[in-house]
């Protein structure tokens, strides 16, 4: 278990669930915006190079980097 020397940095970790909720809200907004353009199969034909998994992978990597940087900022953590 981690014990943070400065509790303020622990609050930064509370932002991670907020990031996750915002990501999925943005993802659903984009999906609804694409539905307004027309049929799903037609939109996919117009956007053949759109990556499906790349945005999710990028989000996961950025979130992990944020968590690790938050832990690294507090240099005086110790395992108990």
PDB file of N, CA and C in Angstrom:
ATOM      1  N   UNK A   1       0.835  -1.170   0.000  1.00  0.00           N
ATOM      2  CA  UNK A   1       0.000   0.000   0.000  1.00  0.00           C
ATOM      3  C   UNK A   1       0.884   1.239   0.000  1.00  0.00           C
ATOM      4  N   UNK A   2       0.481   2.220  -0.771  1.00  0.00           N
ATOM      5  CA  UNK A   2       1.237   3.465  -0.845  1.00  0.00           C
ATOM      6  C   UNK A   2       0.787   4.417   0.256  1.00  0.00           C
ATOM      7  N   UNK A   3       1.746   5.124   0.825  1.00  0.00           N
ATOM      8  CA  UNK A   3       1.446   6.233   1.713  1.00  0.00           C
ATOM      9  C   UNK A   3       2.126   7.446   1.124  1.00  0.00           C
ATOM     10  N   UNK A   4       1.340   8.442   0.785  1.00  0.00           N
ATOM     11  CA  UNK A   4       1.877   9.653   0.199  1.00  0.00           C
ATOM     12  C   UNK A   4       2.352  10.584   1.300  1.00  0.00           C
ATOM     13  N   UNK A   5       3.491  11.204   1.087  1.00  0.00           N
ATOM     14  CA  UNK A   5       4.011  12.165   2.053  1.00  0.00           C
ATOM     15  C   UNK A   5       3.194  13.452   1.997  1.00  0.00           C
ATOM     16  N   UNK A   6       2.768  13.819   0.825  1.00  0.00           N
ATOM     17  CA  UNK A   6       1.952  15.024   0.669  1.00  0.00           C
ATOM     18  C   UNK A   6       0.610  14.594   0.081  1.00  0.00           C
ATOM     19  N   UNK A   7      -0.448  14.802   0.853  1.00  0.00           N
ATOM     20  CA  UNK A   7      -1.767  14.313   0.495  1.00  0.00           C
ATOM     21  C   UNK A   7      -2.365  15.032  -0.720  1.00  0.00           C
ATOM     22  N   UNK A   8      -1.818  16.202  -1.066  1.00  0.00           N
ATOM     23  CA  UNK A   8      -2.340  16.937  -2.214  1.00  0.00           C
ATOM     24  C   UNK A   8      -2.162  16.151  -3.508  1.00  0.00           C
ATOM     25  N   UNK A   9      -1.080  15.403  -3.593  1.00  0.00           N
ATOM     26  CA  UNK A   9      -0.833  14.623  -4.802  1.00  0.00           C
ATOM     27  C   UNK A   9      -1.777  13.438  -4.912  1.00  0.00           C
ATOM     28  N   UNK A  10      -2.282  12.982  -3.772  1.00  0.00           N
ATOM     29  CA  UNK A  10      -3.262  11.912  -3.795  1.00  0.00           C
ATOM     30  C   UNK A  10      -4.556  12.392  -4.448  1.00  0.00           C
ATOM     31  N   UNK A  11      -4.861  13.663  -4.296  1.00  0.00           N
ATOM     32  CA  UNK A  11      -6.056  14.219  -4.932  1.00  0.00           C
ATOM     33  C   UNK A  11      -5.937  14.217  -6.456  1.00  0.00           C
ATOM     34  N   UNK A  12      -4.725  14.304  -6.968  1.00  0.00           N
ATOM     35  CA  UNK A  12      -4.553  14.233  -8.420  1.00  0.00           C
ATOM     36  C   UNK A  12      -4.990  12.867  -8.966  1.00  0.00           C
ATOM     37  N   UNK A  13      -4.794  11.832  -8.159  1.00  0.00           N
ATOM     38  CA  UNK A  13      -5.220  10.504  -8.604  1.00  0.00           C
ATOM     39  C   UNK A  13      -6.740  10.393  -8.658  1.00  0.00           C
ATOM     40  N   UNK A  14      -7.426  11.231  -7.918  1.00  0.00           N
ATOM     41  CA  UNK A  14      -8.889  11.226  -7.966  1.00  0.00           C
ATOM     42  C   UNK A  14      -9.400  11.774  -9.291  1.00  0.00           C
ATOM     43  N   UNK A  15      -8.545  12.438 -10.039  1.00  0.00           N
ATOM     44  CA  UNK A  15      -8.945  12.978 -11.339  1.00  0.00           C
ATOM     45  C   UNK A  15      -9.021  11.895 -12.414  1.00  0.00           C
ATOM     46  N   UNK A  16      -8.429  10.753 -12.182  1.00  0.00           N
ATOM     47  CA  UNK A  16      -8.414   9.691 -13.193  1.00  0.00           C
ATOM     48  C   UNK A  16      -9.824   9.200 -13.529  1.00  0.00           C
ATOM     49  N   UNK A  17     -10.686   8.913 -12.559  1.00  0.00           N
ATOM     50  CA  UNK A  17     -12.056   8.525 -12.940  1.00  0.00           C
ATOM     51  C   UNK A  17     -12.798   9.624 -13.700  1.00  0.00           C
ATOM     52  N   UNK A  18     -12.500  10.875 -13.393  1.00  0.00           N
ATOM     53  CA  UNK A  18     -13.126  11.980 -14.121  1.00  0.00           C
ATOM     54  C   UNK A  18     -12.672  11.951 -15.578  1.00  0.00           C
ATOM     55  N   UNK A  19     -11.387  11.680 -15.810  1.00  0.00           N
ATOM     56  CA  UNK A  19     -10.875  11.568 -17.174  1.00  0.00           C
ATOM     57  C   UNK A  19     -11.573  10.440 -17.927  1.00  0.00           C
ATOM     58  N   UNK A  20     -11.803   9.321 -17.256  1.00  0.00           N
ATOM     59  CA  UNK A  20     -12.446   8.170 -17.895  1.00  0.00           C
ATOM     60  C   UNK A  20     -13.880   8.522 -18.299  1.00  0.00           C
ATOM     61  N   UNK A  21     -14.612   9.164 -17.403  1.00  0.00           N
ATOM     62  CA  UNK A  21     -15.987   9.552 -17.712  1.00  0.00           C
ATOM     63  C   UNK A  21     -16.011  10.549 -18.868  1.00  0.00           C
ATOM     64  N   UNK A  22     -15.114  11.519 -18.847  1.00  0.00           N
ATOM     65  CA  UNK A  22     -15.061  12.495 -19.941  1.00  0.00           C
ATOM     66  C   UNK A  22     -14.717  11.841 -21.271  1.00  0.00           C
ATOM     67  N   UNK A  23     -13.821  10.866 -21.245  1.00  0.00           N
ATOM     68  CA  UNK A  23     -13.449  10.175 -22.477  1.00  0.00           C
ATOM     69  C   UNK A  23     -14.655   9.463 -23.079  1.00  0.00           C
ATOM     70  N   UNK A  24     -15.408   8.747 -22.247  1.00  0.00           N
ATOM     71  CA  UNK A  24     -16.550   8.005 -22.784  1.00  0.00           C
ATOM     72  C   UNK A  24     -17.678   8.934 -23.204  1.00  0.00           C
ATOM     73  N   UNK A  25     -17.828  10.066 -22.536  1.00  0.00           N
ATOM     74  CA  UNK A  25     -18.813  11.055 -22.992  1.00  0.00           C
ATOM     75  C   UNK A  25     -18.415  11.624 -24.350  1.00  0.00           C
ATOM     76  N   UNK A  26     -17.140  11.923 -24.529  1.00  0.00           N
ATOM     77  CA  UNK A  26     -16.658  12.430 -25.809  1.00  0.00           C
ATOM     78  C   UNK A  26     -16.807  11.385 -26.906  1.00  0.00           C
ATOM     79  N   UNK A  27     -16.552  10.143 -26.547  1.00  0.00           N
ATOM     80  CA  UNK A  27     -16.682   9.058 -27.524  1.00  0.00           C
ATOM     81  C   UNK A  27     -18.137   8.898 -27.985  1.00  0.00           C
ATOM     82  N   UNK A  28     -19.074   8.973 -27.047  1.00  0.00           N
ATOM     83  CA  UNK A  28     -20.487   8.848 -27.438  1.00  0.00           C
ATOM     84  C   UNK A  28     -20.943  10.076 -28.223  1.00  0.00           C
ATOM     85  N   UNK A  29     -20.421  11.259 -27.886  1.00  0.00           N
ATOM     86  CA  UNK A  29     -20.765  12.456 -28.639  1.00  0.00           C
ATOM     87  C   UNK A  29     -20.294  12.346 -30.084  1.00  0.00           C
ATOM     88  N   UNK A  30     -19.066  11.846 -30.271  1.00  0.00           N
ATOM     89  CA  UNK A  30     -18.548  11.665 -31.635  1.00  0.00           C
ATOM     90  C   UNK A  30     -19.380  10.655 -32.416  1.00  0.00           C
ATOM     91  N   UNK A  31     -19.780   9.586 -31.744  1.00  0.00           N
ATOM     92  CA  UNK A  31     -20.585   8.561 -32.407  1.00  0.00           C
ATOM     93  C   UNK A  31     -21.926   9.140 -32.847  1.00  0.00           C
ATOM     94  N   UNK A  32     -22.550   9.938 -31.992  1.00  0.00           N
ATOM     95  CA  UNK A  32     -23.822  10.563 -32.348  1.00  0.00           C
ATOM     96  C   UNK A  32     -23.645  11.611 -33.452  1.00  0.00           C
ATOM     97  N   UNK A  33     -22.526  12.318 -33.443  1.00  0.00           N
ATOM     98  CA  UNK A  33     -22.271  13.300 -34.491  1.00  0.00           C
ATOM     99  C   UNK A  33     -22.097  12.608 -35.846  1.00  0.00           C
ATOM    100  N   UNK A  34     -21.451  11.447 -35.864  1.00  0.00           N
ATOM    101  CA  UNK A  34     -21.290  10.707 -37.118  1.00  0.00           C
ATOM    102  C   UNK A  34     -22.619  10.140 -37.606  1.00  0.00           C
ATOM    103  N   UNK A  35     -23.514   9.802 -36.693  1.00  0.00           N
ATOM    104  CA  UNK A  35     -24.826   9.296 -37.103  1.00  0.00           C
ATOM    105  C   UNK A  35     -25.631  10.371 -37.818  1.00  0.00           C
ATOM    106  N   UNK A  36     -25.388  11.637 -37.478  1.00  0.00           N
ATOM    107  CA  UNK A  36     -26.115  12.728 -38.117  1.00  0.00           C
ATOM    108  C   UNK A  36     -25.750  12.879 -39.591  1.00  0.00           C
ATOM    109  N   UNK A  37     -24.556  12.407 -39.968  1.00  0.00           N
ATOM    110  CA  UNK A  37     -24.123  12.529 -41.352  1.00  0.00           C
ATOM    111  C   UNK A  37     -24.831  11.541 -42.267  1.00  0.00           C
ATOM    112  N   UNK A  38     -25.262  10.421 -41.741  1.00  0.00           N
ATOM    113  CA  UNK A  38     -25.955   9.457 -42.582  1.00  0.00           C
ATOM    114  C   UNK A  38     -25.826   8.052 -42.042  1.00  0.00           C
ATOM    115  N   UNK A  39     -26.069   7.103 -42.921  1.00  0.00           N
ATOM    116  CA  UNK A  39     -26.017   5.696 -42.561  1.00  0.00           C
ATOM    117  C   UNK A  39     -24.612   5.317 -42.111  1.00  0.00           C
ATOM    118  N   UNK A  40     -24.530   4.396 -41.153  1.00  0.00           N
ATOM    119  CA  UNK A  40     -23.238   4.003 -40.587  1.00  0.00           C
ATOM    120  C   UNK A  40     -22.325   3.376 -41.642  1.00  0.00           C
ATOM    121  N   UNK A  41     -22.870   2.546 -42.518  1.00  0.00           N
ATOM    122  CA  UNK A  41     -22.034   1.918 -43.546  1.00  0.00           C
ATOM    123  C   UNK A  41     -21.510   2.951 -44.539  1.00  0.00           C
ATOM    124  N   UNK A  42     -22.304   3.967 -44.840  1.00  0.00           N
ATOM    125  CA  UNK A  42     -21.854   5.022 -45.746  1.00  0.00           C
ATOM    126  C   UNK A  42     -20.753   5.857 -45.106  1.00  0.00           C
ATOM    127  N   UNK A  43     -20.917   6.170 -43.840  1.00  0.00           N
ATOM    128  CA  UNK A  43     -19.901   6.958 -43.130  1.00  0.00           C
ATOM    129  C   UNK A  43     -18.590   6.179 -43.063  1.00  0.00           C
ATOM    130  N   UNK A  44     -18.667   4.871 -42.834  1.00  0.00           N
ATOM    131  CA  UNK A  44     -17.444   4.055 -42.792  1.00  0.00           C
ATOM    132  C   UNK A  44     -16.756   4.002 -44.156  1.00  0.00           C
ATOM    133  N   UNK A  45     -17.536   4.044 -45.246  1.00  0.00           N
ATOM    134  CA  UNK A  45     -16.936   4.076 -46.580  1.00  0.00           C
ATOM    135  C   UNK A  45     -16.265   5.412 -46.843  1.00  0.00           C
ATOM    136  N   UNK A  46     -16.814   6.476 -46.304  1.00  0.00           N
ATOM    137  CA  UNK A  46     -16.224   7.796 -46.503  1.00  0.00           C
ATOM    138  C   UNK A  46     -14.978   8.011 -45.647  1.00  0.00           C
ATOM    139  N   UNK A  47     -14.855   7.240 -44.588  1.00  0.00           N
ATOM    140  CA  UNK A  47     -13.710   7.372 -43.678  1.00  0.00           C
ATOM    141  C   UNK A  47     -12.989   6.023 -43.564  1.00  0.00           C
ATOM    142  N   UNK A  48     -12.343   5.560 -44.622  1.00  0.00           N
ATOM    143  CA  UNK A  48     -11.753   4.215 -44.570  1.00  0.00           C
ATOM    144  C   UNK A  48     -10.498   4.124 -43.701  1.00  0.00           C
ATOM    145  N   UNK A  49      -9.812   5.212 -43.483  1.00  0.00           N
ATOM    146  CA  UNK A  49      -8.556   5.158 -42.736  1.00  0.00           C
ATOM    147  C   UNK A  49      -8.736   5.507 -41.258  1.00  0.00           C
ATOM    148  N   UNK A  50      -9.964   5.578 -40.802  1.00  0.00           N
ATOM    149  CA  UNK A  50     -10.217   5.905 -39.398  1.00  0.00           C
ATOM    150  C   UNK A  50      -9.809   4.734 -38.518  1.00  0.00           C
ATOM    151  N   UNK A  51      -8.978   5.005 -37.530  1.00  0.00           N
ATOM    152  CA  UNK A  51      -8.523   3.960 -36.620  1.00  0.00           C
ATOM    153  C   UNK A  51      -9.570   3.736 -35.532  1.00  0.00           C
ATOM    154  N   UNK A  52      -9.828   2.476 -35.220  1.00  0.00           N
ATOM    155  CA  UNK A  52     -10.818   2.152 -34.202  1.00  0.00           C
ATOM    156  C   UNK A  52     -10.204   2.037 -32.813  1.00  0.00           C
ATOM    157  N   UNK A  53      -9.056   1.388 -32.720  1.00  0.00           N
ATOM    158  CA  UNK A  53      -8.473   1.122 -31.410  1.00  0.00           C
ATOM    159  C   UNK A  53      -7.401   2.132 -31.013  1.00  0.00           C
ATOM    160  N   UNK A  54      -6.906   2.888 -31.951  1.00  0.00           N
ATOM    161  CA  UNK A  54      -5.822   3.816 -31.657  1.00  0.00           C
ATOM    162  C   UNK A  54      -6.203   4.889 -30.630  1.00  0.00           C
ATOM    163  N   UNK A  55      -7.377   5.519 -30.718  1.00  0.00           N
ATOM    164  CA  UNK A  55      -7.716   6.520 -29.697  1.00  0.00           C
ATOM    165  C   UNK A  55      -7.835   5.926 -28.292  1.00  0.00           C
ATOM    166  N   UNK A  56      -8.376   4.715 -28.185  1.00  0.00           N
ATOM    167  CA  UNK A  56      -8.487   4.081 -26.880  1.00  0.00           C
ATOM    168  C   UNK A  56      -7.115   3.745 -26.318  1.00  0.00           C
ATOM    169  N   UNK A  57      -6.239   3.215 -27.148  1.00  0.00           N
ATOM    170  CA  UNK A  57      -4.883   2.896 -26.705  1.00  0.00           C
ATOM    171  C   UNK A  57      -4.134   4.158 -26.273  1.00  0.00           C
ATOM    172  N   UNK A  58      -4.303   5.217 -27.027  1.00  0.00           N
ATOM    173  CA  UNK A  58      -3.667   6.491 -26.683  1.00  0.00           C
ATOM    174  C   UNK A  58      -4.189   7.010 -25.347  1.00  0.00           C
ATOM    175  N   UNK A  59      -5.494   6.908 -25.128  1.00  0.00           N
ATOM    176  CA  UNK A  59      -6.074   7.350 -23.864  1.00  0.00           C
ATOM    177  C   UNK A  59      -5.535   6.534 -22.698  1.00  0.00           C
ATOM    178  N   UNK A  60      -5.445   5.223 -22.865  1.00  0.00           N
ATOM    179  CA  UNK A  60      -4.937   4.361 -21.794  1.00  0.00           C
ATOM    180  C   UNK A  60      -3.494   4.705 -21.467  1.00  0.00           C
ATOM    181  N   UNK A  61      -2.664   4.901 -22.479  1.00  0.00           N
ATOM    182  CA  UNK A  61      -1.262   5.229 -22.236  1.00  0.00           C
ATOM    183  C   UNK A  61      -1.107   6.586 -21.554  1.00  0.00           C
ATOM    184  N   UNK A  62      -1.889   7.568 -21.959  1.00  0.00           N
ATOM    185  CA  UNK A  62      -1.812   8.887 -21.334  1.00  0.00           C
ATOM    186  C   UNK A  62      -2.290   8.821 -19.883  1.00  0.00           C
ATOM    187  N   UNK A  63      -3.318   8.030 -19.624  1.00  0.00           N
ATOM    188  CA  UNK A  63      -3.814   7.888 -18.256  1.00  0.00           C
ATOM    189  C   UNK A  63      -2.780   7.209 -17.368  1.00  0.00           C
ATOM    190  N   UNK A  64      -2.143   6.154 -17.863  1.00  0.00           N
ATOM    191  CA  UNK A  64      -1.087   5.505 -17.091  1.00  0.00           C
ATOM    192  C   UNK A  64       0.082   6.460 -16.845  1.00  0.00           C
ATOM    193  N   UNK A  65       0.437   7.241 -17.848  1.00  0.00           N
ATOM    194  CA  UNK A  65       1.520   8.209 -17.671  1.00  0.00           C
ATOM    195  C   UNK A  65       1.156   9.233 -16.605  1.00  0.00           C
ATOM    196  N   UNK A  66      -0.090   9.690 -16.591  1.00  0.00           N
ATOM    197  CA  UNK A  66      -0.539  10.643 -15.573  1.00  0.00           C
ATOM    198  C   UNK A  66      -0.450  10.030 -14.175  1.00  0.00           C
ATOM    199  N   UNK A  67      -0.876   8.772 -14.045  1.00  0.00           N
ATOM    200  CA  UNK A  67      -0.818   8.109 -12.738  1.00  0.00           C
ATOM    201  C   UNK A  67       0.626   7.948 -12.285  1.00  0.00           C
ATOM    202  N   UNK A  68       1.493   7.487 -13.168  1.00  0.00           N
ATOM    203  CA  UNK A  68       2.886   7.277 -12.786  1.00  0.00           C
ATOM    204  C   UNK A  68       3.605   8.583 -12.480  1.00  0.00           C
ATOM    205  N   UNK A  69       3.299   9.633 -13.226  1.00  0.00           N
ATOM    206  CA  UNK A  69       3.908  10.936 -12.938  1.00  0.00           C
ATOM    207  C   UNK A  69       3.405  11.497 -11.614  1.00  0.00           C
ATOM    208  N   UNK A  70       2.150  11.265 -11.304  1.00  0.00           N
ATOM    209  CA  UNK A  70       1.620  11.716 -10.022  1.00  0.00           C
ATOM    210  C   UNK A  70       2.319  11.007  -8.869  1.00  0.00           C
ATOM    211  N   UNK A  71       2.554   9.724  -9.004  1.00  0.00           N
ATOM    212  CA  UNK A  71       3.270   8.977  -7.963  1.00  0.00           C
ATOM    213  C   UNK A  71       4.727   9.425  -7.893  1.00  0.00           C
ATOM    214  N   UNK A  72       5.311   9.720  -9.042  1.00  0.00           N
ATOM    215  CA  UNK A  72       6.722  10.128  -9.061  1.00  0.00           C
ATOM    216  C   UNK A  72       6.929  11.532  -8.493  1.00  0.00           C
ATOM    217  N   UNK A  73       5.924  12.384  -8.603  1.00  0.00           N
ATOM    218  CA  UNK A  73       6.058  13.740  -8.074  1.00  0.00           C
ATOM    219  C   UNK A  73       6.278  13.697  -6.563  1.00  0.00           C
ATOM    220  N   UNK A  74       5.547  12.827  -5.908  1.00  0.00           N
ATOM    221  CA  UNK A  74       5.696  12.683  -4.466  1.00  0.00           C
ATOM    222  C   UNK A  74       6.850  11.718  -4.220  1.00  0.00           C
ATOM    223  N   UNK A  75       8.022  12.255  -4.047  1.00  0.00           N
ATOM    224  CA  UNK A  75       9.220  11.430  -3.968  1.00  0.00           C
ATOM    225  C   UNK A  75       9.345  10.644  -2.664  1.00  0.00           C
ATOM    226  N   UNK A  76       8.602  11.000  -1.672  1.00  0.00           N
ATOM    227  CA  UNK A  76       8.779  10.382  -0.361  1.00  0.00           C
ATOM    228  C   UNK A  76       7.763   9.291  -0.070  1.00  0.00           C
ATOM    229  N   UNK A  77       7.252   8.640  -1.098  1.00  0.00           N
ATOM    230  CA  UNK A  77       6.310   7.553  -0.861  1.00  0.00           C
ATOM    231  C   UNK A  77       7.081   6.318  -0.416  1.00  0.00           C
ATOM    232  N   UNK A  78       6.410   5.495   0.332  1.00  0.00           N
ATOM    233  CA  UNK A  78       7.032   4.269   0.798  1.00  0.00           C
ATOM    234  C   UNK A  78       6.002   3.146   0.793  1.00  0.00           C
ATOM    235  N   UNK A  79       6.471   1.955   0.557  1.00  0.00           N
ATOM    236  CA  UNK A  79       5.600   0.799   0.580  1.00  0.00           C
ATOM    237  C   UNK A  79       5.452   0.334   2.017  1.00  0.00           C
ATOM    238  N   UNK A  80       4.228   0.047   2.415  1.00  0.00           N
ATOM    239  CA  UNK A  80       4.046  -0.419   3.803  1.00  0.00           C
ATOM    240  C   UNK A  80       3.641  -1.859   3.831  1.00  0.00           C
TER     241      UNK A  80
END
